[in-house]
Structure formats: C-alpha cells, structure tokens
Amino acid sequence: MPKMKTRRAAAKRYHVTGSGKVKYKKQGMRHILSKKSTKRKRHLRKAGILSPAEQKRAKTLLPYN
C-alpha cells in the first residue's frame, strides 16, 4: 500500500504535542498592531489548543503525526 500524503497546508498550521493535542498559532499578530491593546497582543503570542472536535478533523489531515 502506498504512503498517505500529508496535507501541507495543515502541516504548516498545526503541530501535535506529545500528549496528542493539536497546537496552532493564533491569528491577528501580523499587522495593524497599533490599535490592539498590549494585553490582547500578549494573549495572541501564546499558542492555542484546538477543541476535541477540531483536533479529530486536523488529525485526519496529518496522517503521520
């Protein structure tokens, strides 16, 4: 049986942790930062964790993670 292909767009956006959770970088930190509060920007720096339903969907796109 041939190898399964990874969806490259998903591989660039999501990373699976050691415990099996899926991490992603939060949106909104690329431009127009002056109108955003310091607190908001600080919270956007931290990685987000997908919900269980979204983790299931993301893992189908990443067969070898």
C-alpha atoms as a PDB file:
ATOM      1  CA  MET A   1       0.000   0.000   0.000  1.00  0.00           C
ATOM      2  CA  PRO A   2       1.416   3.441  -0.877  1.00  0.00           C
ATOM      3  CA  LYS A   3       2.231   6.069   1.661  1.00  0.00           C
ATOM      4  CA  MET A   4      -0.517   8.547   2.573  1.00  0.00           C
ATOM      5  CA  LYS A   5       0.051  12.173   1.639  1.00  0.00           C
ATOM      6  CA  THR A   6       0.041  14.861   4.321  1.00  0.00           C
ATOM      7  CA  ARG A   7      -1.993  17.990   3.632  1.00  0.00           C
ATOM      8  CA  ARG A   8       0.836  20.502   3.514  1.00  0.00           C
ATOM      9  CA  ALA A   9      -1.355  23.469   4.439  1.00  0.00           C
ATOM     10  CA  ALA A  10      -2.373  21.681   7.645  1.00  0.00           C
ATOM     11  CA  ALA A  11       1.203  20.645   8.410  1.00  0.00           C
ATOM     12  CA  LYS A  12       2.273  24.287   8.295  1.00  0.00           C
ATOM     13  CA  ARG A  13      -0.528  25.416  10.618  1.00  0.00           C
ATOM     14  CA  TYR A  14      -0.835  22.628  13.201  1.00  0.00           C
ATOM     15  CA  HIS A  15       1.639  20.780  15.415  1.00  0.00           C
ATOM     16  CA  VAL A  16       0.796  17.725  17.514  1.00  0.00           C
ATOM     17  CA  THR A  17       2.100  17.739  21.092  1.00  0.00           C
ATOM     18  CA  GLY A  18       3.469  14.729  22.922  1.00  0.00           C
ATOM     19  CA  SER A  19       0.147  14.139  24.661  1.00  0.00           C
ATOM     20  CA  GLY A  20      -1.732  14.212  21.343  1.00  0.00           C
ATOM     21  CA  LYS A  21      -3.205  17.709  21.500  1.00  0.00           C
ATOM     22  CA  VAL A  22      -3.050  19.938  18.420  1.00  0.00           C
ATOM     23  CA  LYS A  23      -1.389  23.359  18.785  1.00  0.00           C
ATOM     24  CA  TYR A  24      -1.750  26.311  16.436  1.00  0.00           C
ATOM     25  CA  LYS A  25      -0.572  29.919  16.239  1.00  0.00           C
ATOM     26  CA  LYS A  26      -3.319  32.433  16.905  1.00  0.00           C
ATOM     27  CA  GLN A  27      -4.262  34.874  14.169  1.00  0.00           C
ATOM     28  CA  GLY A  28      -4.084  38.634  14.361  1.00  0.00           C
ATOM     29  CA  MET A  29      -0.414  39.377  15.067  1.00  0.00           C
ATOM     30  CA  ARG A  30       0.820  40.217  11.550  1.00  0.00           C
ATOM     31  CA  HIS A  31      -0.169  43.850  11.007  1.00  0.00           C
ATOM     32  CA  ILE A  32      -2.299  46.722  12.339  1.00  0.00           C
ATOM     33  CA  LEU A  33      -0.855  46.182  15.808  1.00  0.00           C
ATOM     34  CA  SER A  34      -1.077  49.781  16.983  1.00  0.00           C
ATOM     35  CA  LYS A  35      -4.821  49.705  17.659  1.00  0.00           C
ATOM     36  CA  LYS A  36      -4.631  46.419  19.572  1.00  0.00           C
ATOM     37  CA  SER A  37      -4.080  46.583  23.307  1.00  0.00           C
ATOM     38  CA  THR A  38      -0.920  45.244  24.924  1.00  0.00           C
ATOM     39  CA  LYS A  39      -2.958  42.652  26.812  1.00  0.00           C
ATOM     40  CA  ARG A  40      -4.587  41.438  23.613  1.00  0.00           C
ATOM     41  CA  LYS A  41      -1.237  41.147  21.818  1.00  0.00           C
ATOM     42  CA  ARG A  42       0.284  39.318  24.769  1.00  0.00           C
ATOM     43  CA  HIS A  43      -2.508  36.719  24.722  1.00  0.00           C
ATOM     44  CA  LEU A  44      -2.170  36.300  20.967  1.00  0.00           C
ATOM     45  CA  ARG A  45       1.512  35.369  21.367  1.00  0.00           C
ATOM     46  CA  LYS A  46       0.659  32.139  23.163  1.00  0.00           C
ATOM     47  CA  ALA A  47      -0.182  29.026  21.186  1.00  0.00           C
ATOM     48  CA  GLY A  48      -3.789  27.894  21.062  1.00  0.00           C
ATOM     49  CA  ILE A  49      -5.118  24.360  21.530  1.00  0.00           C
ATOM     50  CA  LEU A  50      -7.801  23.061  19.182  1.00  0.00           C
ATOM     51  CA  SER A  51     -11.083  21.803  20.608  1.00  0.00           C
ATOM     52  CA  PRO A  52     -11.555  17.990  20.624  1.00  0.00           C
ATOM     53  CA  ALA A  53     -13.854  18.084  17.592  1.00  0.00           C
ATOM     54  CA  GLU A  54     -11.390  20.203  15.616  1.00  0.00           C
ATOM     55  CA  GLN A  55      -8.472  18.023  16.747  1.00  0.00           C
ATOM     56  CA  LYS A  56     -10.176  15.000  15.220  1.00  0.00           C
ATOM     57  CA  ARG A  57     -10.574  16.855  11.905  1.00  0.00           C
ATOM     58  CA  ALA A  58      -6.993  18.147  11.920  1.00  0.00           C
ATOM     59  CA  LYS A  59      -5.506  14.726  12.637  1.00  0.00           C
ATOM     60  CA  THR A  60      -7.134  13.282   9.501  1.00  0.00           C
ATOM     61  CA  LEU A  61      -5.142  15.850   7.512  1.00  0.00           C
ATOM     62  CA  LEU A  62      -1.915  14.863   9.323  1.00  0.00           C
ATOM     63  CA  PRO A  63      -1.744  11.061   8.967  1.00  0.00           C
ATOM     64  CA  TYR A  64       1.764  10.617  10.366  1.00  0.00           C
ATOM     65  CA  ASN A  65       1.546  12.844  13.456  1.00  0.00           C
END
